[in-house]
């Protein structure tokens, strides 16, 4: 059912005193009634999308192919820190690697020894090196680097078997005793999906951090072995301009959270994309001239954004806002297009009222 009912906002006039003894007809004189900026359909639809988590419908509203609120679950990319109850263990991220028809040589994260295995072992256990879009490498308008990670295309059991076999073949030439311990613990701790599906090299993507400040960047995969891990959410589109547009609007909304002194909620997932829709910043809701300018500024910022590590993404967004006139122009342009009430509703989706000191 579709509703065309108009909505109104009722508030008490500031300059007129109010008494409890007033009759209903008299109360009207003390009220200010104005039409709300959205009709019933517009008002209720974001709430339906939010509570039903209908990502297919949201994708249609945003004019994108699909929305993925969380990438692939992979445990042990950088291994584990030393804790009271657990020892530090190796990670499946690679410091370095190389192979030919005869052998495969690689060094896992947190270990000093390289391992060497016959190249046939890669095929036996369906082992492949994947370029991972990792949350910690994402800045506004920039991916600092892809993280090379070793995974099996047939699941975690094959990966564990490969790592165990590699350790057995190299046990006599390992020079650091802790290498053995760290890899043994990794074999116990590592997790990966049964199916590792890479991104489509013919599509464009916008990836953003799932935790707190949702810094975003647009890209097209340069290789057929690119994947995204579970602390990152993303959208897929066939249109390059749409990708650059949404990277810009996501960074804009993240900056607005900071600008108004609010705190980010801990886990974002698809919330930032719903916020884009609620704010009235969906691709179809913005005029063509504005969209083109946003895309133009976004592409420039993708080129200019520094490839550096920040203490947190609040610092990163503030740095971008301070250093680059293109971002200032972007904020000013989108500010002129966004209704304040809708922006407030959007920020409520991704942030709280309190000030957060750290990301």
Protein backbone atom coordinates (compact mmCIF):
# COMPACT_ATOMS: atom_id res chain seq x y z
CA UNK A 1 0.00 0.00 0.00
CA UNK A 2 1.26 3.46 -0.87
CA UNK A 3 0.41 6.48 1.26
CA UNK A 4 0.40 10.05 0.06
CA UNK A 5 -0.43 11.48 3.49
CA UNK A 6 1.32 14.73 4.27
CA UNK A 7 3.14 15.05 7.58
CA UNK A 8 3.36 18.10 9.83
CA UNK A 9 5.54 19.26 12.70
CA UNK A 10 3.75 20.87 15.65
CA UNK A 11 5.64 23.01 18.15
CA UNK A 12 4.71 25.53 20.83
CA UNK A 13 5.21 29.20 20.05
CA UNK A 14 8.01 30.64 22.12
CA UNK A 15 6.58 34.10 22.84
CA UNK A 16 3.19 33.11 24.21
CA UNK A 17 2.61 31.84 27.74
CA UNK A 18 0.92 28.51 28.28
CA UNK A 19 -1.61 27.63 31.01
CA UNK A 20 -2.95 24.22 31.95
CA UNK A 21 -6.47 25.66 32.19
CA UNK A 22 -6.66 26.38 28.46
CA UNK A 23 -9.42 24.76 26.41
CA UNK A 24 -8.60 22.74 23.30
CA UNK A 25 -9.72 25.49 20.93
CA UNK A 26 -7.57 28.02 22.80
CA UNK A 27 -4.46 25.81 22.69
CA UNK A 28 -4.34 26.13 18.88
CA UNK A 29 -3.31 29.75 19.26
CA UNK A 30 -0.17 28.64 21.10
CA UNK A 31 0.93 26.14 18.45
CA UNK A 32 3.04 26.58 15.34
CA UNK A 33 2.24 24.07 12.61
CA UNK A 34 4.44 23.57 9.57
CA UNK A 35 4.61 20.95 6.87
CA UNK A 36 7.33 18.31 7.29
CA UNK A 37 9.94 18.03 4.54
CA UNK A 38 8.87 14.45 3.70
CA UNK A 39 5.56 12.74 3.03
CA UNK A 40 4.58 9.51 4.75
CA UNK A 41 6.21 7.25 2.14
CA UNK A 42 9.50 9.10 2.38
CA UNK A 43 9.37 9.17 6.17
CA UNK A 44 8.59 5.50 6.76
CA UNK A 45 10.68 3.84 4.02
CA UNK A 46 14.11 4.37 5.65
CA UNK A 47 12.78 2.83 8.86
CA UNK A 48 11.49 -0.18 6.96
CA UNK A 49 14.85 -0.61 5.23
CA UNK A 50 16.66 -0.25 8.55
CA UNK A 51 14.62 -2.74 10.54
CA UNK A 52 14.20 -5.31 7.74
CA UNK A 53 17.85 -4.98 6.60
CA UNK A 54 16.66 -5.32 3.01
CA UNK A 55 19.99 -4.67 1.32
CA UNK A 56 18.63 -5.55 -2.12
CA UNK A 57 16.01 -2.82 -1.84
CA UNK A 58 18.57 -0.35 -0.50
CA UNK A 59 20.88 -1.20 -3.39
CA UNK A 60 18.07 -0.34 -5.81
CA UNK A 61 17.47 2.97 -4.05
CA UNK A 62 21.18 3.80 -4.36
CA UNK A 63 21.44 2.65 -8.00
CA UNK A 64 24.17 0.09 -7.27
CA UNK A 65 24.45 -3.61 -8.10
CA UNK A 66 24.73 -4.88 -4.55
CA UNK A 67 25.61 -4.05 -0.96
CA UNK A 68 27.83 -6.30 1.15
CA UNK A 69 27.70 -5.21 4.82
CA UNK A 70 30.64 -7.40 5.80
CA UNK A 71 33.45 -8.96 3.79
CA UNK A 72 34.92 -12.45 4.16
CA UNK A 73 35.60 -13.69 7.68
CA UNK A 74 39.30 -14.44 7.96
CA UNK A 75 40.97 -14.99 11.32
CA UNK A 76 44.71 -14.70 11.79
CA UNK A 77 45.72 -12.29 9.04
CA UNK A 78 48.32 -10.64 11.27
CA UNK A 79 48.37 -13.38 13.88
CA UNK A 80 47.80 -12.79 17.57
CA UNK A 81 49.32 -10.54 20.18
CA UNK A 82 50.92 -12.04 23.27
CA UNK A 83 48.41 -12.16 26.12
CA UNK A 84 48.40 -13.66 29.59
CA UNK A 85 46.48 -16.73 28.51
CA UNK A 86 47.88 -17.03 24.98
CA UNK A 87 51.22 -16.81 23.26
CA UNK A 88 51.85 -14.68 20.19
CA UNK A 89 51.26 -16.56 16.95
CA UNK A 90 52.08 -16.14 13.26
CA UNK A 91 49.80 -14.54 10.69
CA UNK A 92 48.82 -15.65 7.20
CA UNK A 93 49.77 -12.23 5.84
CA UNK A 94 53.08 -12.48 3.98
CA UNK A 95 56.17 -10.37 4.52
CA UNK A 96 57.54 -11.71 1.24
CA UNK A 97 57.02 -14.58 -1.16
CA UNK A 98 58.10 -15.93 -4.55
CA UNK A 99 57.70 -19.09 -6.57
CA UNK A 100 58.62 -20.84 -9.81
CA UNK A 101 57.84 -24.24 -11.30
CA UNK A 102 59.90 -25.99 -8.66
CA UNK A 103 59.47 -24.29 -5.31
CA UNK A 104 57.44 -21.75 -3.35
CA UNK A 105 59.22 -19.62 -0.75
CA UNK A 106 57.31 -17.46 1.73
CA UNK A 107 57.62 -15.77 5.13
CA UNK A 108 54.56 -15.48 7.35
CA UNK A 109 53.78 -12.46 9.50
CA UNK A 110 55.46 -12.33 12.94
CA UNK A 111 58.14 -14.92 12.09
CA UNK A 112 61.75 -14.45 11.03
CA UNK A 113 62.21 -17.68 9.08
CA UNK A 114 61.13 -18.25 5.48
CA UNK A 115 59.56 -21.58 4.54
CA UNK A 116 60.23 -23.41 1.27
CA UNK A 117 57.91 -26.05 -0.20
CA UNK A 118 57.53 -27.78 -3.57
CA UNK A 119 55.29 -25.81 -5.93
CA UNK A 120 53.12 -28.92 -6.40
CA UNK A 121 52.00 -28.49 -2.79
CA UNK A 122 50.13 -25.29 -3.78
CA UNK A 123 47.98 -27.21 -6.24
CA UNK A 124 47.43 -30.12 -3.84
CA UNK A 125 45.96 -27.85 -1.17
CA UNK A 126 44.47 -25.26 -3.57
CA UNK A 127 46.68 -22.55 -2.11
CA UNK A 128 46.64 -19.06 -3.60
CA UNK A 129 47.90 -15.61 -2.65
CA UNK A 130 45.04 -13.11 -2.35
CA UNK A 131 45.28 -9.32 -2.17
CA UNK A 132 43.13 -8.34 0.79
CA UNK A 133 41.42 -4.99 1.35
CA UNK A 134 42.12 -4.72 5.08
CA UNK A 135 40.37 -2.25 7.37
CA UNK A 136 43.58 -0.90 8.89
CA UNK A 137 44.87 0.13 5.47
CA UNK A 138 41.84 2.29 4.55
CA UNK A 139 42.00 6.08 4.82
CA UNK A 140 39.57 8.64 3.38
CA UNK A 141 39.88 8.42 -0.44
CA UNK A 142 42.86 6.05 -0.16
CA UNK A 143 43.82 2.42 0.28
CA UNK A 144 47.39 2.51 1.56
CA UNK A 145 48.16 -1.00 0.28
CA UNK A 146 46.69 -4.43 -0.32
CA UNK A 147 47.73 -7.08 2.19
CA UNK A 148 49.02 -10.31 0.53
CA UNK A 149 47.48 -13.25 2.37
CA UNK A 150 47.79 -17.00 1.88
CA UNK A 151 44.46 -18.87 1.67
CA UNK A 152 43.05 -22.11 0.27
CA UNK A 153 40.31 -22.02 -2.35
CA UNK A 154 38.81 -25.17 -0.84
CA UNK A 155 38.52 -24.08 2.78
CA UNK A 156 40.22 -23.85 6.13
CA UNK A 157 41.02 -27.58 6.47
CA UNK A 158 43.21 -27.42 3.36
CA UNK A 159 44.94 -24.27 4.60
CA UNK A 160 45.69 -25.85 7.98
CA UNK A 161 47.05 -28.97 6.26
CA UNK A 162 49.28 -26.90 3.99
CA UNK A 163 50.72 -24.90 6.90
CA UNK A 164 51.31 -28.07 8.91
CA UNK A 165 53.02 -29.75 5.96
CA UNK A 166 55.17 -26.67 5.29
CA UNK A 167 56.29 -26.69 8.91
CA UNK A 168 57.20 -30.38 8.75
CA UNK A 169 59.27 -29.92 5.57
CA UNK A 170 61.22 -27.03 7.06
CA UNK A 171 61.58 -28.14 10.68
CA UNK A 172 65.29 -29.01 10.31
CA UNK A 173 66.31 -25.68 8.77
CA UNK A 174 64.31 -23.27 10.94
CA UNK A 175 66.75 -21.22 12.99
CA UNK A 176 64.35 -19.53 15.41
CA UNK A 177 62.55 -21.82 17.84
CA UNK A 178 59.63 -19.42 18.26
CA UNK A 179 58.86 -19.79 14.53
CA UNK A 180 57.74 -23.37 15.15
CA UNK A 181 55.59 -22.41 18.13
CA UNK A 182 53.99 -19.45 16.35
CA UNK A 183 53.05 -21.50 13.28
CA UNK A 184 51.66 -24.37 15.38
CA UNK A 185 49.36 -21.95 17.18
CA UNK A 186 48.40 -20.38 13.84
CA UNK A 187 47.31 -23.79 12.55
CA UNK A 188 44.95 -24.04 15.53
CA UNK A 189 43.66 -20.47 15.37
CA UNK A 190 43.36 -19.64 11.64
CA UNK A 191 39.92 -19.42 10.03
CA UNK A 192 38.75 -18.70 6.49
CA UNK A 193 35.60 -19.20 4.37
CA UNK A 194 35.01 -22.45 2.51
CA UNK A 195 34.50 -20.42 -0.66
CA UNK A 196 36.82 -17.52 -1.37
CA UNK A 197 35.12 -15.41 -4.03
CA UNK A 198 37.28 -12.59 -5.47
CA UNK A 199 35.90 -9.25 -6.63
CA UNK A 200 34.90 -8.81 -10.27
CA UNK A 201 37.66 -7.03 -12.20
CA UNK A 202 35.03 -5.56 -14.54
CA UNK A 203 33.15 -3.81 -11.72
CA UNK A 204 33.81 -0.76 -9.54
CA UNK A 205 33.70 -0.82 -5.76
CA UNK A 206 33.42 1.50 -2.79
CA UNK A 207 34.89 0.00 0.38
CA UNK A 208 34.66 1.55 3.81
CA UNK A 209 35.61 0.74 7.40
CA UNK A 210 32.94 -1.12 9.37
CA UNK A 211 34.12 0.18 12.74
CA UNK A 212 33.36 3.71 13.95
CA UNK A 213 34.60 6.32 11.43
CA UNK A 214 33.61 4.84 8.07
CA UNK A 215 36.42 6.21 5.89
CA UNK A 216 35.83 5.17 2.27
CA UNK A 217 37.58 4.88 -1.08
CA UNK A 218 36.57 3.88 -4.62
CA UNK A 219 38.51 1.43 -6.77
CA UNK A 220 38.49 -1.09 -9.57
CA UNK A 221 40.30 -4.37 -8.80
CA UNK A 222 43.57 -4.61 -10.69
CA UNK A 223 43.84 -8.39 -10.29
CA UNK A 224 41.47 -11.37 -10.18
CA UNK A 225 42.62 -12.34 -6.68
CA UNK A 226 41.32 -9.29 -4.78
CA UNK A 227 39.09 -9.91 -1.76
CA UNK A 228 37.67 -7.85 1.12
CA UNK A 229 37.85 -8.94 4.77
CA UNK A 230 35.09 -8.85 7.35
CA UNK A 231 35.90 -5.52 9.02
CA UNK A 232 35.17 -3.78 5.72
CA UNK A 233 31.79 -3.22 4.02
CA UNK A 234 31.41 -2.42 0.34
CA UNK A 235 29.14 -1.72 -2.60
CA UNK A 236 29.53 -2.97 -6.14
CA UNK A 237 28.53 -1.00 -9.22
CA UNK A 238 29.06 -1.14 -12.97
CA UNK A 239 29.39 2.65 -13.11
CA UNK A 240 32.71 4.32 -12.30
CA UNK A 241 31.11 7.69 -11.57
CA UNK A 242 28.65 6.14 -9.12
CA UNK A 243 31.57 4.59 -7.22
CA UNK A 244 33.46 7.88 -6.92
CA UNK A 245 30.25 9.67 -5.98
CA UNK A 246 29.48 7.37 -3.06
CA UNK A 247 33.09 7.36 -1.82
CA UNK A 248 32.76 11.14 -1.58
CA UNK A 249 29.35 11.14 0.13
CA UNK A 250 30.43 8.54 2.68
CA UNK A 251 33.52 10.56 3.62
CA UNK A 252 31.35 13.68 3.72
CA UNK A 253 28.92 12.10 6.21
CA UNK A 254 31.77 10.76 8.33
CA UNK A 255 33.24 14.25 8.47
CA UNK A 256 29.86 15.76 9.41
CA UNK A 257 29.74 13.45 12.45
CA UNK A 258 33.06 14.94 13.56
CA UNK A 259 32.13 18.49 12.61
CA UNK A 260 29.03 18.52 14.80
CA UNK A 261 30.88 16.95 17.73
CA UNK A 262 29.19 13.58 17.83
CA UNK A 263 30.60 10.10 18.48
CA UNK A 264 30.61 7.22 16.01
CA UNK A 265 28.78 4.03 16.92
CA UNK A 266 31.09 1.03 17.25
CA UNK A 267 29.93 -1.22 14.41
CA UNK A 268 28.63 0.35 11.18
CA UNK A 269 28.11 -2.40 8.56
CA UNK A 270 25.44 -1.07 6.11
CA UNK A 271 24.40 1.86 8.33
CA UNK A 272 26.47 4.50 6.48
CA UNK A 273 24.75 3.59 3.20
CA UNK A 274 21.35 3.85 4.83
CA UNK A 275 22.47 7.23 6.18
CA UNK A 276 23.34 8.34 2.64
CA UNK A 277 19.84 7.42 1.54
CA UNK A 278 18.13 9.07 4.51
CA UNK A 279 20.17 12.26 3.99
CA UNK A 280 18.75 12.53 0.47
CA UNK A 281 22.17 11.93 -1.10
CA UNK A 282 21.29 8.89 -3.19
CA UNK A 283 22.56 9.15 -6.77
CA UNK A 284 19.04 9.57 -8.17
CA UNK A 285 18.14 12.28 -5.65
CA UNK A 286 20.91 14.69 -6.69
CA UNK A 287 20.88 16.76 -9.88
CA UNK A 288 23.30 15.81 -12.65
CA UNK A 289 25.44 18.94 -12.39
CA UNK A 290 26.04 18.38 -8.67
CA UNK A 291 26.78 14.69 -9.18
CA UNK A 292 29.34 15.51 -11.85
CA UNK A 293 31.07 18.02 -9.60
CA UNK A 294 31.13 15.57 -6.68
CA UNK A 295 32.67 12.90 -8.92
CA UNK A 296 35.26 15.37 -10.21
CA UNK A 297 36.28 16.41 -6.68
CA UNK A 298 36.30 12.80 -5.51
CA UNK A 299 38.71 11.74 -8.26
CA UNK A 300 41.07 14.59 -7.42
CA UNK A 301 40.97 13.69 -3.73
CA UNK A 302 41.70 10.04 -4.54
CA UNK A 303 44.84 11.24 -6.29
CA UNK A 304 45.90 13.70 -3.61
CA UNK A 305 45.04 11.82 -0.40
CA UNK A 306 48.29 10.99 1.43
CA UNK A 307 49.49 7.41 1.71
CA UNK A 308 50.22 7.64 5.42
CA UNK A 309 49.18 6.02 8.67
CA UNK A 310 47.00 8.07 11.03
CA UNK A 311 46.38 7.57 14.73
CA UNK A 312 42.68 7.17 13.92
CA UNK A 313 40.26 8.11 11.18
CA UNK A 314 38.99 11.22 12.95
CA UNK A 315 42.50 12.57 12.62
CA UNK A 316 42.59 11.44 8.98
CA UNK A 317 39.32 13.18 8.09
CA UNK A 318 40.34 16.37 9.87
CA UNK A 319 43.65 16.31 8.01
CA UNK A 320 41.90 15.95 4.64
CA UNK A 321 39.49 18.75 5.56
CA UNK A 322 42.34 21.05 6.56
CA UNK A 323 44.79 20.36 3.76
CA UNK A 324 42.71 20.05 0.62
CA UNK A 325 40.54 22.77 -0.87
CA UNK A 326 38.73 20.12 -2.92
CA UNK A 327 37.33 18.58 0.25
CA UNK A 328 36.23 21.97 1.53
CA UNK A 329 34.46 22.51 -1.80
CA UNK A 330 32.86 19.08 -1.52
CA UNK A 331 31.53 19.77 1.98
CA UNK A 332 30.19 23.18 0.95
CA UNK A 333 28.51 21.73 -2.13
CA UNK A 334 26.79 18.86 -0.33
CA UNK A 335 25.85 21.12 2.59
CA UNK A 336 23.93 23.24 0.09
CA UNK A 337 21.99 20.19 -1.12
CA UNK A 338 21.14 18.50 2.18
CA UNK A 339 18.07 19.32 4.24
CA UNK A 340 19.08 19.85 7.89
CA UNK A 341 16.35 17.64 9.29
CA UNK A 342 17.24 14.81 6.96
CA UNK A 343 20.93 15.20 7.75
CA UNK A 344 20.15 14.99 11.46
CA UNK A 345 18.16 11.80 10.86
CA UNK A 346 21.07 10.38 8.85
CA UNK A 347 23.65 11.16 11.52
CA UNK A 348 21.45 9.45 14.10
CA UNK A 349 21.96 6.20 12.21
CA UNK A 350 25.77 6.25 12.41
CA UNK A 351 26.54 8.24 15.54
CA UNK A 352 25.55 9.03 19.11
CA UNK A 353 25.19 12.35 20.88
CA UNK A 354 28.30 12.07 23.05
CA UNK A 355 31.81 13.14 22.15
CA UNK A 356 34.22 10.29 21.62
CA UNK A 357 37.86 10.97 22.41
CA UNK A 358 39.31 8.11 20.40
CA UNK A 359 38.18 6.23 17.36
